Amino acid sequence: MTARVFVLLGAVLMLQACVSVRTSHGYILERDQTALTAEPGFDTKESVLAKFGEPSMIGVIDRNAWYYLNSTDTARAFFKPKTQRRNVVAFYFDEEGAVSDVERFSLEDGDNVRIVSRVTPTRGKELNFWEQLLGNVGQLPAGIGQEGPVPGQ
């Protein structure tokens, strides 16, 4: 009887590893907010900052573009997390600091970029596992065995 209980308990613990974990990143709406909105020509940088706080990103080339990002990822056990939802709200300001345009982007608007896995070769000797592990055996620390005054004498 107790063996069955332990087996059942072990099975339940193993099933917990299969539960997906959901995480949110970026800007999260407050309870009273339904969306990030601003009225072009009326709202300014100060009013957007007062309503929504600091932006997630500010444009590098155009400092008059503010971006508020939010994404939701799910991960199961040891697998790579997958982005389920992504929202980007972009506020564009004119030279006087007034909102000129507001755009919204979702996960479908993005592009998947494949990272190149090539490696740039470098000069020098490539060490194998054993050379890395045992490479310093028998080596003296720096400064020991050199001629010159001995500290403390």
N, C-alpha and C. Protein backbone atom coordinates (compact mmCIF):
# COMPACT_ATOMS: atom_id res chain seq x y z
N MET A 1 0.82 -1.19 0.00
CA MET A 1 0.00 0.00 0.00
C MET A 1 0.86 1.26 0.00
N THR A 2 1.90 1.31 0.89
CA THR A 2 2.75 2.50 0.95
C THR A 2 3.58 2.65 -0.32
N ALA A 3 3.93 1.54 -0.97
CA ALA A 3 4.68 1.64 -2.23
C ALA A 3 3.85 2.33 -3.30
N ARG A 4 2.56 2.02 -3.34
CA ARG A 4 1.67 2.67 -4.31
C ARG A 4 1.56 4.16 -4.05
N VAL A 5 1.52 4.54 -2.79
CA VAL A 5 1.43 5.96 -2.44
C VAL A 5 2.68 6.69 -2.90
N PHE A 6 3.86 6.08 -2.69
CA PHE A 6 5.11 6.70 -3.12
C PHE A 6 5.19 6.80 -4.65
N VAL A 7 4.73 5.78 -5.35
CA VAL A 7 4.72 5.81 -6.81
C VAL A 7 3.78 6.90 -7.30
N LEU A 8 2.59 6.99 -6.70
CA LEU A 8 1.63 8.02 -7.08
C LEU A 8 2.17 9.41 -6.79
N LEU A 9 2.80 9.58 -5.63
CA LEU A 9 3.39 10.86 -5.26
C LEU A 9 4.51 11.23 -6.24
N GLY A 10 5.34 10.28 -6.61
CA GLY A 10 6.41 10.52 -7.58
C GLY A 10 5.86 10.91 -8.94
N ALA A 11 4.78 10.26 -9.37
CA ALA A 11 4.16 10.59 -10.66
C ALA A 11 3.60 12.00 -10.64
N VAL A 12 2.97 12.40 -9.54
CA VAL A 12 2.43 13.76 -9.43
C VAL A 12 3.55 14.79 -9.48
N LEU A 13 4.66 14.52 -8.79
CA LEU A 13 5.79 15.44 -8.81
C LEU A 13 6.41 15.55 -10.20
N MET A 14 6.46 14.45 -10.94
CA MET A 14 7.01 14.49 -12.30
C MET A 14 6.08 15.26 -13.23
N LEU A 15 4.79 15.16 -13.02
CA LEU A 15 3.84 15.89 -13.86
C LEU A 15 3.94 17.39 -13.66
N GLN A 16 4.37 17.83 -12.48
CA GLN A 16 4.53 19.26 -12.23
C GLN A 16 5.57 19.86 -13.16
N ALA A 17 6.57 19.09 -13.57
CA ALA A 17 7.58 19.60 -14.49
C ALA A 17 7.00 19.90 -15.86
N CYS A 18 5.85 19.32 -16.19
CA CYS A 18 5.22 19.53 -17.49
C CYS A 18 4.30 20.75 -17.50
N VAL A 19 4.07 21.36 -16.36
CA VAL A 19 3.18 22.52 -16.29
C VAL A 19 3.87 23.69 -16.97
N SER A 20 3.13 24.40 -17.82
CA SER A 20 3.73 25.55 -18.49
C SER A 20 3.73 26.75 -17.55
N VAL A 21 4.76 27.56 -17.70
CA VAL A 21 4.93 28.75 -16.88
C VAL A 21 4.76 29.96 -17.80
N ARG A 22 3.92 30.89 -17.41
CA ARG A 22 3.66 32.08 -18.21
C ARG A 22 4.31 33.27 -17.52
N THR A 23 5.07 34.07 -18.28
CA THR A 23 5.72 35.25 -17.74
C THR A 23 5.39 36.45 -18.61
N SER A 24 5.24 37.59 -17.97
CA SER A 24 4.98 38.84 -18.68
C SER A 24 6.18 39.75 -18.51
N HIS A 25 6.51 40.47 -19.57
CA HIS A 25 7.64 41.40 -19.55
C HIS A 25 7.19 42.73 -20.12
N GLY A 26 7.77 43.80 -19.63
CA GLY A 26 7.49 45.11 -20.18
C GLY A 26 6.39 45.83 -19.46
N TYR A 27 5.75 46.76 -20.17
CA TYR A 27 4.73 47.62 -19.59
C TYR A 27 3.45 46.84 -19.34
N ILE A 28 2.91 46.94 -18.14
CA ILE A 28 1.66 46.27 -17.79
C ILE A 28 0.64 47.35 -17.44
N LEU A 29 -0.54 47.26 -18.05
CA LEU A 29 -1.58 48.24 -17.81
C LEU A 29 -2.02 48.23 -16.35
N GLU A 30 -2.32 49.42 -15.84
CA GLU A 30 -2.87 49.54 -14.50
C GLU A 30 -4.33 49.08 -14.52
N ARG A 31 -4.93 48.89 -13.36
CA ARG A 31 -6.31 48.40 -13.27
C ARG A 31 -7.31 49.31 -13.98
N ASP A 32 -7.10 50.61 -13.92
CA ASP A 32 -8.06 51.53 -14.52
C ASP A 32 -7.77 51.82 -16.00
N GLN A 33 -6.70 51.26 -16.55
CA GLN A 33 -6.34 51.51 -17.95
C GLN A 33 -6.86 50.38 -18.84
N THR A 34 -7.33 50.75 -20.02
CA THR A 34 -7.76 49.75 -20.99
C THR A 34 -6.79 49.66 -22.16
N ALA A 35 -6.11 50.76 -22.45
CA ALA A 35 -5.13 50.78 -23.55
C ALA A 35 -4.23 51.99 -23.38
N LEU A 36 -3.09 51.95 -24.03
CA LEU A 36 -2.19 53.09 -24.06
C LEU A 36 -2.66 54.00 -25.20
N THR A 37 -3.20 55.14 -24.85
CA THR A 37 -3.71 56.05 -25.87
C THR A 37 -3.24 57.46 -25.59
N ALA A 38 -3.14 58.23 -26.64
CA ALA A 38 -2.83 59.66 -26.55
C ALA A 38 -3.48 60.34 -27.73
N GLU A 39 -3.92 61.56 -27.53
CA GLU A 39 -4.58 62.30 -28.59
C GLU A 39 -3.56 63.17 -29.32
N PRO A 40 -3.34 62.89 -30.62
CA PRO A 40 -2.38 63.70 -31.39
C PRO A 40 -2.78 65.18 -31.38
N GLY A 41 -1.79 66.04 -31.19
CA GLY A 41 -2.02 67.47 -31.16
C GLY A 41 -2.41 68.00 -29.80
N PHE A 42 -2.89 67.14 -28.91
CA PHE A 42 -3.33 67.57 -27.58
C PHE A 42 -2.34 67.11 -26.52
N ASP A 43 -2.01 65.82 -26.51
CA ASP A 43 -1.08 65.29 -25.51
C ASP A 43 0.35 65.67 -25.85
N THR A 44 1.18 65.75 -24.82
CA THR A 44 2.59 66.10 -24.98
C THR A 44 3.46 65.02 -24.33
N LYS A 45 4.76 65.20 -24.45
CA LYS A 45 5.68 64.26 -23.79
C LYS A 45 5.42 64.21 -22.29
N GLU A 46 5.16 65.37 -21.70
CA GLU A 46 4.92 65.44 -20.25
C GLU A 46 3.64 64.69 -19.87
N SER A 47 2.57 64.84 -20.66
CA SER A 47 1.32 64.17 -20.31
C SER A 47 1.43 62.65 -20.52
N VAL A 48 2.15 62.22 -21.57
CA VAL A 48 2.35 60.78 -21.79
C VAL A 48 3.21 60.21 -20.66
N LEU A 49 4.22 60.95 -20.26
CA LEU A 49 5.09 60.51 -19.15
C LEU A 49 4.29 60.44 -17.85
N ALA A 50 3.38 61.39 -17.62
CA ALA A 50 2.57 61.39 -16.40
C ALA A 50 1.57 60.23 -16.41
N LYS A 51 0.99 59.90 -17.58
CA LYS A 51 0.00 58.82 -17.67
C LYS A 51 0.63 57.44 -17.57
N PHE A 52 1.73 57.23 -18.31
CA PHE A 52 2.26 55.88 -18.50
C PHE A 52 3.64 55.65 -17.91
N GLY A 53 4.30 56.68 -17.43
CA GLY A 53 5.64 56.52 -16.88
C GLY A 53 6.69 56.48 -17.97
N GLU A 54 7.89 56.10 -17.57
CA GLU A 54 9.02 56.04 -18.51
C GLU A 54 8.75 55.01 -19.61
N PRO A 55 9.11 55.33 -20.84
CA PRO A 55 8.91 54.35 -21.93
C PRO A 55 9.89 53.19 -21.81
N SER A 56 9.52 52.07 -22.42
CA SER A 56 10.42 50.91 -22.43
C SER A 56 11.66 51.22 -23.25
N MET A 57 11.48 51.96 -24.35
CA MET A 57 12.60 52.35 -25.21
C MET A 57 12.35 53.73 -25.79
N ILE A 58 13.43 54.45 -26.05
CA ILE A 58 13.36 55.71 -26.77
C ILE A 58 14.19 55.52 -28.03
N GLY A 59 13.70 56.04 -29.14
CA GLY A 59 14.38 55.86 -30.42
C GLY A 59 15.83 56.31 -30.35
N VAL A 60 16.71 55.56 -30.98
CA VAL A 60 18.14 55.89 -30.98
C VAL A 60 18.41 57.00 -31.98
N ILE A 61 17.88 56.87 -33.17
CA ILE A 61 18.09 57.88 -34.20
C ILE A 61 17.13 59.05 -34.00
N ASP A 62 15.86 58.75 -33.74
CA ASP A 62 14.85 59.77 -33.53
C ASP A 62 14.44 59.75 -32.06
N ARG A 63 14.94 60.70 -31.28
CA ARG A 63 14.64 60.76 -29.85
C ARG A 63 13.19 61.16 -29.59
N ASN A 64 12.45 61.52 -30.64
CA ASN A 64 11.04 61.88 -30.50
C ASN A 64 10.13 60.69 -30.74
N ALA A 65 10.64 59.50 -30.65
CA ALA A 65 9.84 58.28 -30.77
C ALA A 65 9.99 57.49 -29.47
N TRP A 66 8.87 57.27 -28.79
CA TRP A 66 8.85 56.51 -27.54
C TRP A 66 8.09 55.22 -27.77
N TYR A 67 8.61 54.12 -27.21
CA TYR A 67 8.00 52.80 -27.40
C TYR A 67 7.70 52.18 -26.04
N TYR A 68 6.47 51.69 -25.90
CA TYR A 68 6.05 50.95 -24.72
C TYR A 68 5.81 49.51 -25.16
N LEU A 69 6.57 48.57 -24.59
CA LEU A 69 6.53 47.18 -25.01
C LEU A 69 5.90 46.31 -23.94
N ASN A 70 5.25 45.23 -24.39
CA ASN A 70 4.72 44.22 -23.48
C ASN A 70 4.72 42.89 -24.22
N SER A 71 5.19 41.84 -23.55
CA SER A 71 5.16 40.51 -24.16
C SER A 71 4.83 39.47 -23.10
N THR A 72 4.22 38.38 -23.57
CA THR A 72 3.88 37.26 -22.70
C THR A 72 4.52 36.01 -23.29
N ASP A 73 5.32 35.32 -22.49
CA ASP A 73 6.01 34.11 -22.92
C ASP A 73 5.49 32.92 -22.11
N THR A 74 5.51 31.74 -22.74
CA THR A 74 5.21 30.51 -22.01
C THR A 74 6.38 29.55 -22.19
N ALA A 75 6.66 28.82 -21.14
CA ALA A 75 7.75 27.84 -21.18
C ALA A 75 7.26 26.56 -20.52
N ARG A 76 7.66 25.44 -21.06
CA ARG A 76 7.30 24.14 -20.51
C ARG A 76 8.59 23.39 -20.19
N ALA A 77 8.74 23.03 -18.94
CA ALA A 77 9.90 22.27 -18.45
C ALA A 77 11.19 22.95 -18.88
N PHE A 78 12.06 22.25 -19.59
CA PHE A 78 13.36 22.77 -19.97
C PHE A 78 13.39 23.29 -21.40
N PHE A 79 12.26 23.35 -22.08
CA PHE A 79 12.22 23.81 -23.45
C PHE A 79 12.37 25.32 -23.53
N LYS A 80 12.75 25.79 -24.71
CA LYS A 80 12.94 27.21 -24.95
C LYS A 80 11.59 27.93 -24.84
N PRO A 81 11.54 29.09 -24.15
CA PRO A 81 10.28 29.82 -24.03
C PRO A 81 9.78 30.28 -25.40
N LYS A 82 8.46 30.33 -25.54
CA LYS A 82 7.84 30.77 -26.79
C LYS A 82 7.00 32.01 -26.51
N THR A 83 7.19 33.04 -27.32
CA THR A 83 6.43 34.27 -27.16
C THR A 83 5.02 34.06 -27.69
N GLN A 84 4.04 34.24 -26.82
CA GLN A 84 2.64 34.06 -27.19
C GLN A 84 2.00 35.35 -27.67
N ARG A 85 2.40 36.46 -27.06
CA ARG A 85 1.77 37.74 -27.37
C ARG A 85 2.81 38.84 -27.21
N ARG A 86 2.80 39.81 -28.14
CA ARG A 86 3.69 40.97 -28.02
C ARG A 86 2.93 42.19 -28.53
N ASN A 87 2.96 43.25 -27.75
CA ASN A 87 2.32 44.51 -28.14
C ASN A 87 3.34 45.63 -27.99
N VAL A 88 3.41 46.47 -28.99
CA VAL A 88 4.27 47.65 -28.96
C VAL A 88 3.39 48.84 -29.32
N VAL A 89 3.42 49.85 -28.47
CA VAL A 89 2.73 51.11 -28.76
C VAL A 89 3.80 52.16 -28.94
N ALA A 90 3.79 52.81 -30.11
CA ALA A 90 4.79 53.82 -30.44
C ALA A 90 4.14 55.19 -30.42
N PHE A 91 4.70 56.10 -29.64
CA PHE A 91 4.26 57.49 -29.62
C PHE A 91 5.31 58.31 -30.35
N TYR A 92 4.88 59.08 -31.33
CA TYR A 92 5.77 59.95 -32.09
C TYR A 92 5.44 61.40 -31.74
N PHE A 93 6.47 62.19 -31.47
CA PHE A 93 6.30 63.58 -31.06
C PHE A 93 6.89 64.51 -32.11
N ASP A 94 6.30 65.71 -32.23
CA ASP A 94 6.87 66.71 -33.14
C ASP A 94 7.96 67.48 -32.40
N GLU A 95 8.53 68.49 -33.04
CA GLU A 95 9.65 69.24 -32.45
C GLU A 95 9.24 70.00 -31.19
N GLU A 96 7.96 70.36 -31.06
CA GLU A 96 7.50 71.08 -29.87
C GLU A 96 7.17 70.13 -28.72
N GLY A 97 7.19 68.81 -28.94
CA GLY A 97 6.92 67.85 -27.89
C GLY A 97 5.48 67.38 -27.84
N ALA A 98 4.67 67.74 -28.84
CA ALA A 98 3.28 67.29 -28.88
C ALA A 98 3.20 65.96 -29.64
N VAL A 99 2.24 65.12 -29.26
CA VAL A 99 2.06 63.83 -29.93
C VAL A 99 1.61 64.09 -31.37
N SER A 100 2.34 63.52 -32.33
CA SER A 100 1.97 63.67 -33.73
C SER A 100 1.31 62.41 -34.29
N ASP A 101 1.65 61.24 -33.71
CA ASP A 101 1.08 59.99 -34.20
C ASP A 101 1.23 58.91 -33.13
N VAL A 102 0.32 57.95 -33.15
CA VAL A 102 0.38 56.78 -32.26
C VAL A 102 0.18 55.55 -33.13
N GLU A 103 1.11 54.58 -33.03
CA GLU A 103 1.00 53.34 -33.80
C GLU A 103 1.04 52.16 -32.86
N ARG A 104 0.36 51.08 -33.25
CA ARG A 104 0.35 49.84 -32.48
C ARG A 104 0.87 48.70 -33.36
N PHE A 105 1.70 47.87 -32.76
CA PHE A 105 2.27 46.72 -33.45
C PHE A 105 2.03 45.48 -32.59
N SER A 106 1.87 44.33 -33.24
CA SER A 106 1.67 43.08 -32.52
C SER A 106 2.75 42.08 -32.93
N LEU A 107 2.65 40.88 -32.42
CA LEU A 107 3.61 39.83 -32.72
C LEU A 107 3.64 39.52 -34.22
N GLU A 108 2.48 39.61 -34.86
CA GLU A 108 2.40 39.31 -36.29
C GLU A 108 3.13 40.35 -37.14
N ASP A 109 3.32 41.56 -36.63
CA ASP A 109 4.01 42.61 -37.37
C ASP A 109 5.53 42.44 -37.35
N GLY A 110 6.04 41.60 -36.47
CA GLY A 110 7.49 41.43 -36.34
C GLY A 110 8.04 40.44 -37.35
N ASP A 111 9.34 40.46 -37.51
CA ASP A 111 10.05 39.52 -38.38
C ASP A 111 10.93 38.62 -37.53
N ASN A 112 10.99 37.34 -37.91
CA ASN A 112 11.91 36.42 -37.26
C ASN A 112 13.28 36.57 -37.90
N VAL A 113 14.26 36.85 -37.09
CA VAL A 113 15.62 37.03 -37.58
C VAL A 113 16.44 35.83 -37.16
N ARG A 114 17.02 35.15 -38.13
CA ARG A 114 17.88 34.01 -37.83
C ARG A 114 19.28 34.52 -37.52
N ILE A 115 19.82 34.09 -36.42
CA ILE A 115 21.16 34.47 -36.02
C ILE A 115 22.15 33.54 -36.71
N VAL A 116 23.18 34.11 -37.31
CA VAL A 116 24.19 33.32 -37.99
C VAL A 116 25.06 32.64 -36.94
N SER A 117 25.34 31.36 -37.15
CA SER A 117 26.10 30.61 -36.14
C SER A 117 27.56 30.44 -36.52
N ARG A 118 28.02 31.21 -37.51
CA ARG A 118 29.43 31.10 -37.88
C ARG A 118 30.31 31.62 -36.75
N VAL A 119 31.53 31.09 -36.69
CA VAL A 119 32.48 31.48 -35.66
C VAL A 119 33.70 32.06 -36.34
N THR A 120 34.18 33.18 -35.83
CA THR A 120 35.38 33.80 -36.37
C THR A 120 36.60 33.10 -35.79
N PRO A 121 37.45 32.54 -36.65
CA PRO A 121 38.64 31.86 -36.13
C PRO A 121 39.63 32.87 -35.54
N THR A 122 40.35 32.44 -34.51
CA THR A 122 41.36 33.28 -33.89
C THR A 122 42.68 32.56 -33.91
N ARG A 123 43.74 33.33 -33.76
CA ARG A 123 45.06 32.72 -33.71
C ARG A 123 45.28 32.08 -32.36
N GLY A 124 46.21 31.18 -32.32
CA GLY A 124 46.53 30.54 -31.06
C GLY A 124 46.16 29.07 -31.09
N LYS A 125 46.45 28.43 -29.99
CA LYS A 125 46.22 26.99 -29.89
C LYS A 125 44.88 26.73 -29.25
N GLU A 126 44.11 25.83 -29.83
CA GLU A 126 42.87 25.42 -29.21
C GLU A 126 43.19 24.29 -28.24
N LEU A 127 42.76 24.45 -27.00
CA LEU A 127 43.03 23.46 -25.98
C LEU A 127 41.88 22.47 -25.90
N ASN A 128 42.23 21.19 -25.74
CA ASN A 128 41.18 20.20 -25.54
C ASN A 128 40.80 20.17 -24.06
N PHE A 129 39.87 19.32 -23.71
CA PHE A 129 39.35 19.27 -22.35
C PHE A 129 40.46 19.03 -21.33
N TRP A 130 41.31 18.06 -21.58
CA TRP A 130 42.36 17.70 -20.61
C TRP A 130 43.41 18.79 -20.50
N GLU A 131 43.75 19.45 -21.60
CA GLU A 131 44.72 20.55 -21.54
C GLU A 131 44.16 21.72 -20.74
N GLN A 132 42.87 21.98 -20.87
CA GLN A 132 42.27 23.05 -20.08
C GLN A 132 42.23 22.68 -18.61
N LEU A 133 41.91 21.41 -18.32
CA LEU A 133 41.77 20.97 -16.94
C LEU A 133 43.12 20.92 -16.23
N LEU A 134 44.13 20.41 -16.91
CA LEU A 134 45.43 20.18 -16.27
C LEU A 134 46.51 21.16 -16.72
N GLY A 135 46.14 22.19 -17.44
CA GLY A 135 47.11 23.12 -18.03
C GLY A 135 47.98 23.84 -17.02
N ASN A 136 47.50 24.13 -15.84
CA ASN A 136 48.27 24.89 -14.85
C ASN A 136 48.97 24.02 -13.81
N VAL A 137 48.84 22.71 -13.93
CA VAL A 137 49.50 21.83 -12.97
C VAL A 137 51.00 21.98 -13.13
N GLY A 138 51.68 22.27 -12.03
CA GLY A 138 53.13 22.42 -12.05
C GLY A 138 53.59 23.83 -12.36
N GLN A 139 52.71 24.73 -12.68
CA GLN A 139 53.07 26.11 -12.96
C GLN A 139 53.19 26.88 -11.65
N LEU A 140 54.18 27.74 -11.55
CA LEU A 140 54.34 28.59 -10.37
C LEU A 140 53.51 29.85 -10.54
N PRO A 141 52.94 30.36 -9.45
CA PRO A 141 52.21 31.63 -9.54
C PRO A 141 53.14 32.75 -9.98
N ALA A 142 52.59 33.79 -10.56
CA ALA A 142 53.38 34.92 -11.05
C ALA A 142 54.17 35.54 -9.90
N GLY A 143 55.43 35.85 -10.15
CA GLY A 143 56.27 36.52 -9.15
C GLY A 143 57.10 35.57 -8.32
N ILE A 144 56.78 34.31 -8.24
CA ILE A 144 57.55 33.35 -7.44
C ILE A 144 58.64 32.79 -8.34
N GLY A 145 59.84 32.76 -7.83
CA GLY A 145 60.97 32.24 -8.57
C GLY A 145 61.69 33.30 -9.37
N GLN A 146 61.25 34.56 -9.30
CA GLN A 146 61.93 35.63 -10.00
C GLN A 146 62.95 36.25 -9.06
N GLU A 147 64.02 36.73 -9.65
CA GLU A 147 65.05 37.39 -8.85
C GLU A 147 64.60 38.76 -8.45
N GLY A 148 65.09 39.25 -7.34
CA GLY A 148 64.74 40.59 -6.88
C GLY A 148 64.51 40.57 -5.39
N PRO A 149 64.18 41.73 -4.83
CA PRO A 149 63.97 41.78 -3.38
C PRO A 149 62.75 40.97 -2.98
N VAL A 150 62.87 40.32 -1.83
CA VAL A 150 61.78 39.53 -1.29
C VAL A 150 60.95 40.43 -0.39
N PRO A 151 59.65 40.49 -0.57
CA PRO A 151 58.82 41.35 0.29
C PRO A 151 58.94 40.96 1.74
N GLY A 152 58.99 41.95 2.63
CA GLY A 152 59.01 41.70 4.08
C GLY A 152 60.41 41.54 4.62
N GLN A 153 61.47 41.69 3.81
CA GLN A 153 62.83 41.55 4.33
C GLN A 153 63.59 42.83 4.15
